[in-house]
């Protein structure tokens, strides 16, 4: 499985997860010049900017070291780009400015022999 297909699977799983939790998906892969927001969703009066990080592992074994964790790929530089993309989105889409905003990271662990595992970081400004 290459990193592009892992990313697409992760984004689809995230959309399904958010829909089950009653989020309304507004945009997917929203491009702003050289920046991108994976998912923009709304729930109640909050606009969520969602970054998805997925990693594929052959076997499910948390006792062993899992190499790089998905959330470890959310570097400071990527976090800064994510924040900038969300700010540009609000400038460009003024109709959402009256909503509260939250930046969320969803890390997905994909295994060949186990169901996916989700780690949800609801506010990346505080939690990562």
Protein backbone atom coordinates (compact mmCIF):
# COMPACT_ATOMS: atom_id res chain seq x y z
CA UNK A 1 0.00 0.00 0.00
CA UNK A 2 1.60 3.31 -1.02
CA UNK A 3 1.33 6.54 0.97
CA UNK A 4 -1.22 8.07 -1.43
CA UNK A 5 -3.65 5.17 -1.09
CA UNK A 6 -3.08 5.12 2.70
CA UNK A 7 -3.93 8.83 2.79
CA UNK A 8 -7.08 8.39 0.72
CA UNK A 9 -8.25 5.49 2.87
CA UNK A 10 -7.55 7.53 6.00
CA UNK A 11 -9.52 10.51 4.70
CA UNK A 12 -12.49 8.32 3.75
CA UNK A 13 -12.46 6.63 7.17
CA UNK A 14 -12.34 10.06 8.80
CA UNK A 15 -15.31 11.32 6.78
CA UNK A 16 -17.28 8.20 7.77
CA UNK A 17 -16.28 8.62 11.42
CA UNK A 18 -17.28 12.30 11.49
CA UNK A 19 -20.60 11.58 9.76
CA UNK A 20 -21.42 8.93 12.40
CA UNK A 21 -20.67 11.53 15.08
CA UNK A 22 -23.15 13.96 13.41
CA UNK A 23 -20.64 16.33 11.85
CA UNK A 24 -21.70 17.85 8.54
CA UNK A 25 -18.87 17.57 6.01
CA UNK A 26 -18.66 20.89 4.13
CA UNK A 27 -15.46 20.50 2.10
CA UNK A 28 -12.84 17.84 1.41
CA UNK A 29 -9.34 18.55 0.10
CA UNK A 30 -10.01 22.29 0.03
CA UNK A 31 -7.13 24.04 -1.77
CA UNK A 32 -5.91 27.54 -0.93
CA UNK A 33 -3.01 28.34 -3.25
CA UNK A 34 -0.26 25.95 -2.08
CA UNK A 35 -2.11 24.99 1.12
CA UNK A 36 -4.79 22.36 1.67
CA UNK A 37 -7.37 21.52 4.31
CA UNK A 38 -8.19 17.81 4.38
CA UNK A 39 -11.72 18.26 5.75
CA UNK A 40 -13.85 21.19 6.81
CA UNK A 41 -16.84 20.13 8.88
CA UNK A 42 -19.51 21.71 11.04
CA UNK A 43 -21.24 20.50 14.18
CA UNK A 44 -23.66 22.72 16.03
CA UNK A 45 -22.11 26.17 16.01
CA UNK A 46 -18.49 25.08 15.56
CA UNK A 47 -16.52 24.92 12.33
CA UNK A 48 -13.88 22.17 12.41
CA UNK A 49 -10.73 22.15 10.33
CA UNK A 50 -9.58 18.54 10.27
CA UNK A 51 -6.11 17.28 9.43
CA UNK A 52 -5.87 13.55 8.78
CA UNK A 53 -2.67 11.57 9.32
CA UNK A 54 -2.68 7.86 8.48
CA UNK A 55 -0.05 5.15 8.73
CA UNK A 56 -0.16 1.57 7.52
CA UNK A 57 1.30 -1.27 9.56
CA UNK A 58 1.53 -4.91 8.53
CA UNK A 59 0.60 -6.41 11.88
CA UNK A 60 -1.33 -5.23 14.89
CA UNK A 61 1.12 -5.37 17.79
CA UNK A 62 1.24 -2.47 20.20
CA UNK A 63 3.85 -4.22 22.36
CA UNK A 64 6.35 -3.68 19.55
CA UNK A 65 7.46 -0.25 18.51
CA UNK A 66 5.26 0.91 15.61
CA UNK A 67 8.02 2.93 13.88
CA UNK A 68 6.58 6.37 13.24
CA UNK A 69 3.14 7.15 14.64
CA UNK A 70 0.71 9.06 12.40
CA UNK A 71 0.54 12.04 14.74
CA UNK A 72 4.36 12.31 14.71
CA UNK A 73 4.09 13.27 11.05
CA UNK A 74 2.22 16.42 12.10
CA UNK A 75 5.38 18.48 12.46
CA UNK A 76 5.61 22.09 13.62
CA UNK A 77 5.91 23.21 10.00
CA UNK A 78 2.80 21.24 9.02
CA UNK A 79 0.95 22.62 12.03
CA UNK A 80 1.84 26.19 10.99
CA UNK A 81 0.60 25.52 7.44
CA UNK A 82 -2.60 24.03 8.85
CA UNK A 83 -3.21 27.12 10.98
CA UNK A 84 -2.47 29.42 8.01
CA UNK A 85 -4.84 27.42 5.75
CA UNK A 86 -7.65 27.72 8.31
CA UNK A 87 -7.09 31.48 8.59
CA UNK A 88 -7.14 31.88 4.80
CA UNK A 89 -10.29 29.78 4.58
CA UNK A 90 -12.08 32.16 6.96
CA UNK A 91 -10.90 35.20 5.01
CA UNK A 92 -12.13 33.69 1.75
CA UNK A 93 -15.37 32.27 3.19
CA UNK A 94 -16.70 35.13 5.27
CA UNK A 95 -20.08 33.39 5.77
CA UNK A 96 -18.42 31.15 8.38
CA UNK A 97 -16.82 33.95 10.42
CA UNK A 98 -19.61 34.00 13.01
CA UNK A 99 -18.88 30.37 13.99
CA UNK A 100 -16.45 29.21 16.61
CA UNK A 101 -13.53 27.34 15.08
CA UNK A 102 -11.54 24.34 16.17
CA UNK A 103 -8.49 22.69 14.64
CA UNK A 104 -8.64 18.89 14.92
CA UNK A 105 -6.14 16.17 14.12
CA UNK A 106 -7.31 12.62 13.50
CA UNK A 107 -4.55 10.00 13.48
CA UNK A 108 -5.48 6.65 11.96
CA UNK A 109 -3.54 3.44 12.43
CA UNK A 110 -4.25 1.01 9.56
CA UNK A 111 -3.42 -2.68 9.94
CA UNK A 112 -3.64 -5.65 7.58
CA UNK A 113 -4.94 -7.91 10.34
CA UNK A 114 -6.95 -5.56 12.61
CA UNK A 115 -9.61 -2.86 12.49
CA UNK A 116 -8.31 0.71 12.19
CA UNK A 117 -7.53 2.58 15.39
CA UNK A 118 -8.39 6.28 15.68
CA UNK A 119 -6.71 8.84 17.90
CA UNK A 120 -8.63 12.09 18.04
CA UNK A 121 -6.95 15.34 19.02
CA UNK A 122 -9.88 17.72 19.26
CA UNK A 123 -7.86 20.90 19.62
CA UNK A 124 -4.37 20.79 18.11
CA UNK A 125 -3.53 24.21 19.53
CA UNK A 126 -3.71 22.70 23.02
CA UNK A 127 -3.02 18.98 22.58
CA UNK A 128 -0.15 18.60 20.11
